[in-house]
């Protein structure tokens, strides 16, 4: 979903990582809403698919 920079390396932060954090599900829902508001449906759909696969929504 996003990347965290650690020195010279970037680590992918997954939907599962975010969902596992306190307030993470709400943060993902806000991000989906933000993406849709900006017309970026493909990214919102990808997040929603990952959330559905994890059975969190």
N, C-alpha and C. Protein backbone atom coordinates (compact mmCIF):
# COMPACT_ATOMS: atom_id res chain seq x y z
N UNK A 1 0.82 -1.18 0.00
CA UNK A 1 0.00 0.00 0.00
C UNK A 1 0.87 1.25 0.00
N UNK A 2 1.78 1.32 0.94
CA UNK A 2 2.68 2.45 0.97
C UNK A 2 4.08 1.94 1.30
N UNK A 3 5.01 2.87 1.32
CA UNK A 3 6.39 2.48 1.56
C UNK A 3 6.94 3.25 2.74
N UNK A 4 7.79 2.60 3.49
CA UNK A 4 8.47 3.21 4.61
C UNK A 4 9.95 3.24 4.24
N UNK A 5 10.55 4.40 4.33
CA UNK A 5 11.97 4.49 3.97
C UNK A 5 12.82 4.23 5.20
N UNK A 6 13.77 3.34 5.04
CA UNK A 6 14.67 2.96 6.12
C UNK A 6 16.07 2.99 5.55
N UNK A 7 16.76 4.09 5.74
CA UNK A 7 18.09 4.23 5.15
C UNK A 7 17.97 4.26 3.64
N UNK A 8 18.64 3.34 2.97
CA UNK A 8 18.61 3.28 1.52
C UNK A 8 17.53 2.32 1.01
N UNK A 9 16.85 1.64 1.93
CA UNK A 9 15.86 0.64 1.53
C UNK A 9 14.45 1.13 1.81
N UNK A 10 13.53 0.75 0.96
CA UNK A 10 12.12 1.06 1.18
C UNK A 10 11.39 -0.25 1.41
N UNK A 11 10.58 -0.28 2.46
CA UNK A 11 9.84 -1.48 2.82
C UNK A 11 8.36 -1.24 2.56
N UNK A 12 7.72 -2.18 1.90
CA UNK A 12 6.29 -2.07 1.61
C UNK A 12 5.50 -2.33 2.88
N UNK A 13 4.59 -1.43 3.19
CA UNK A 13 3.70 -1.60 4.33
C UNK A 13 2.39 -2.12 3.78
N UNK A 14 2.00 -3.30 4.19
CA UNK A 14 0.83 -3.95 3.62
C UNK A 14 -0.46 -3.51 4.32
N UNK A 15 -1.57 -3.81 3.67
CA UNK A 15 -2.88 -3.58 4.25
C UNK A 15 -2.98 -4.35 5.56
N UNK A 16 -2.46 -5.57 5.60
CA UNK A 16 -2.49 -6.38 6.81
C UNK A 16 -1.71 -5.70 7.94
N UNK A 17 -0.57 -5.11 7.63
CA UNK A 17 0.22 -4.39 8.63
C UNK A 17 -0.59 -3.25 9.22
N UNK A 18 -1.23 -2.48 8.36
CA UNK A 18 -2.00 -1.32 8.79
C UNK A 18 -3.24 -1.76 9.57
N UNK A 19 -3.94 -2.77 9.07
CA UNK A 19 -5.15 -3.26 9.73
C UNK A 19 -4.85 -3.79 11.13
N UNK A 20 -3.66 -4.29 11.34
CA UNK A 20 -3.27 -4.83 12.63
C UNK A 20 -2.93 -3.80 13.68
N UNK A 21 -2.77 -2.56 13.27
CA UNK A 21 -2.45 -1.48 14.19
C UNK A 21 -3.73 -0.92 14.81
N UNK A 22 -3.64 -0.36 16.02
CA UNK A 22 -4.82 0.29 16.60
C UNK A 22 -5.31 1.42 15.69
N UNK A 23 -6.58 1.40 15.35
CA UNK A 23 -7.15 2.41 14.46
C UNK A 23 -6.83 2.17 13.00
N UNK A 24 -6.20 1.06 12.69
CA UNK A 24 -5.76 0.79 11.32
C UNK A 24 -6.89 0.59 10.34
N UNK A 25 -7.94 -0.11 10.75
CA UNK A 25 -9.06 -0.35 9.85
C UNK A 25 -9.73 0.97 9.49
N UNK A 26 -9.91 1.83 10.47
CA UNK A 26 -10.50 3.14 10.21
C UNK A 26 -9.61 3.97 9.29
N UNK A 27 -8.31 3.86 9.47
CA UNK A 27 -7.37 4.58 8.61
C UNK A 27 -7.48 4.08 7.17
N UNK A 28 -7.61 2.78 7.00
CA UNK A 28 -7.76 2.22 5.66
C UNK A 28 -9.07 2.68 5.02
N UNK A 29 -10.14 2.71 5.79
CA UNK A 29 -11.42 3.18 5.27
C UNK A 29 -11.34 4.64 4.86
N UNK A 30 -10.66 5.46 5.67
CA UNK A 30 -10.48 6.87 5.30
C UNK A 30 -9.67 7.00 4.02
N UNK A 31 -8.63 6.17 3.88
CA UNK A 31 -7.78 6.22 2.68
C UNK A 31 -8.57 5.83 1.44
N UNK A 32 -9.41 4.80 1.56
CA UNK A 32 -10.25 4.38 0.43
C UNK A 32 -11.17 5.54 0.03
N UNK A 33 -11.78 6.19 1.02
CA UNK A 33 -12.67 7.32 0.73
C UNK A 33 -11.90 8.46 0.05
N UNK A 34 -10.71 8.75 0.56
CA UNK A 34 -9.87 9.81 -0.01
C UNK A 34 -9.51 9.49 -1.47
N UNK A 35 -9.11 8.26 -1.72
CA UNK A 35 -8.75 7.86 -3.08
C UNK A 35 -9.94 7.98 -4.03
N UNK A 36 -11.11 7.51 -3.59
CA UNK A 36 -12.31 7.60 -4.43
C UNK A 36 -12.68 9.06 -4.70
N UNK A 37 -12.54 9.91 -3.68
CA UNK A 37 -12.86 11.33 -3.83
C UNK A 37 -11.97 11.99 -4.88
N UNK A 38 -10.77 11.46 -5.02
CA UNK A 38 -9.81 12.00 -5.99
C UNK A 38 -9.86 11.25 -7.32
N UNK A 39 -10.83 10.34 -7.46
CA UNK A 39 -10.98 9.62 -8.73
C UNK A 39 -9.97 8.52 -8.95
N UNK A 40 -9.36 8.03 -7.89
CA UNK A 40 -8.34 6.99 -8.02
C UNK A 40 -8.96 5.66 -7.58
N UNK A 41 -9.92 5.22 -8.37
CA UNK A 41 -10.69 4.03 -8.02
C UNK A 41 -9.87 2.75 -8.04
N UNK A 42 -8.91 2.64 -8.94
CA UNK A 42 -8.14 1.39 -9.03
C UNK A 42 -7.40 1.12 -7.73
N UNK A 43 -6.85 2.13 -7.10
CA UNK A 43 -6.12 1.96 -5.85
C UNK A 43 -7.10 1.66 -4.70
N UNK A 44 -8.23 2.36 -4.69
CA UNK A 44 -9.25 2.11 -3.67
C UNK A 44 -9.76 0.68 -3.78
N UNK A 45 -9.97 0.22 -5.01
CA UNK A 45 -10.44 -1.15 -5.22
C UNK A 45 -9.41 -2.17 -4.73
N UNK A 46 -8.15 -1.90 -4.96
CA UNK A 46 -7.09 -2.82 -4.53
C UNK A 46 -7.06 -2.93 -3.01
N UNK A 47 -7.19 -1.81 -2.32
CA UNK A 47 -7.21 -1.83 -0.86
C UNK A 47 -8.42 -2.60 -0.36
N UNK A 48 -9.57 -2.34 -0.97
CA UNK A 48 -10.80 -3.04 -0.56
C UNK A 48 -10.69 -4.54 -0.80
N UNK A 49 -10.06 -4.93 -1.91
CA UNK A 49 -9.89 -6.37 -2.17
C UNK A 49 -9.01 -7.02 -1.10
N UNK A 50 -7.93 -6.34 -0.73
CA UNK A 50 -7.05 -6.89 0.30
C UNK A 50 -7.76 -6.95 1.64
N UNK A 51 -8.56 -5.93 1.96
CA UNK A 51 -9.31 -5.93 3.21
C UNK A 51 -10.32 -7.08 3.22
N UNK A 52 -10.98 -7.32 2.09
CA UNK A 52 -11.95 -8.42 2.00
C UNK A 52 -11.25 -9.77 2.17
N UNK A 53 -10.08 -9.90 1.58
CA UNK A 53 -9.32 -11.15 1.70
C UNK A 53 -8.92 -11.41 3.16
N UNK A 54 -8.69 -10.34 3.89
CA UNK A 54 -8.32 -10.45 5.30
C UNK A 54 -9.56 -10.52 6.20
N UNK A 55 -10.72 -10.36 5.58
CA UNK A 55 -12.00 -10.35 6.29
C UNK A 55 -12.08 -9.21 7.31
N UNK A 56 -11.59 -8.03 6.90
CA UNK A 56 -11.73 -6.82 7.72
C UNK A 56 -12.36 -5.73 6.86
N UNK A 57 -13.40 -5.13 7.38
CA UNK A 57 -14.05 -4.01 6.68
C UNK A 57 -14.94 -3.26 7.55
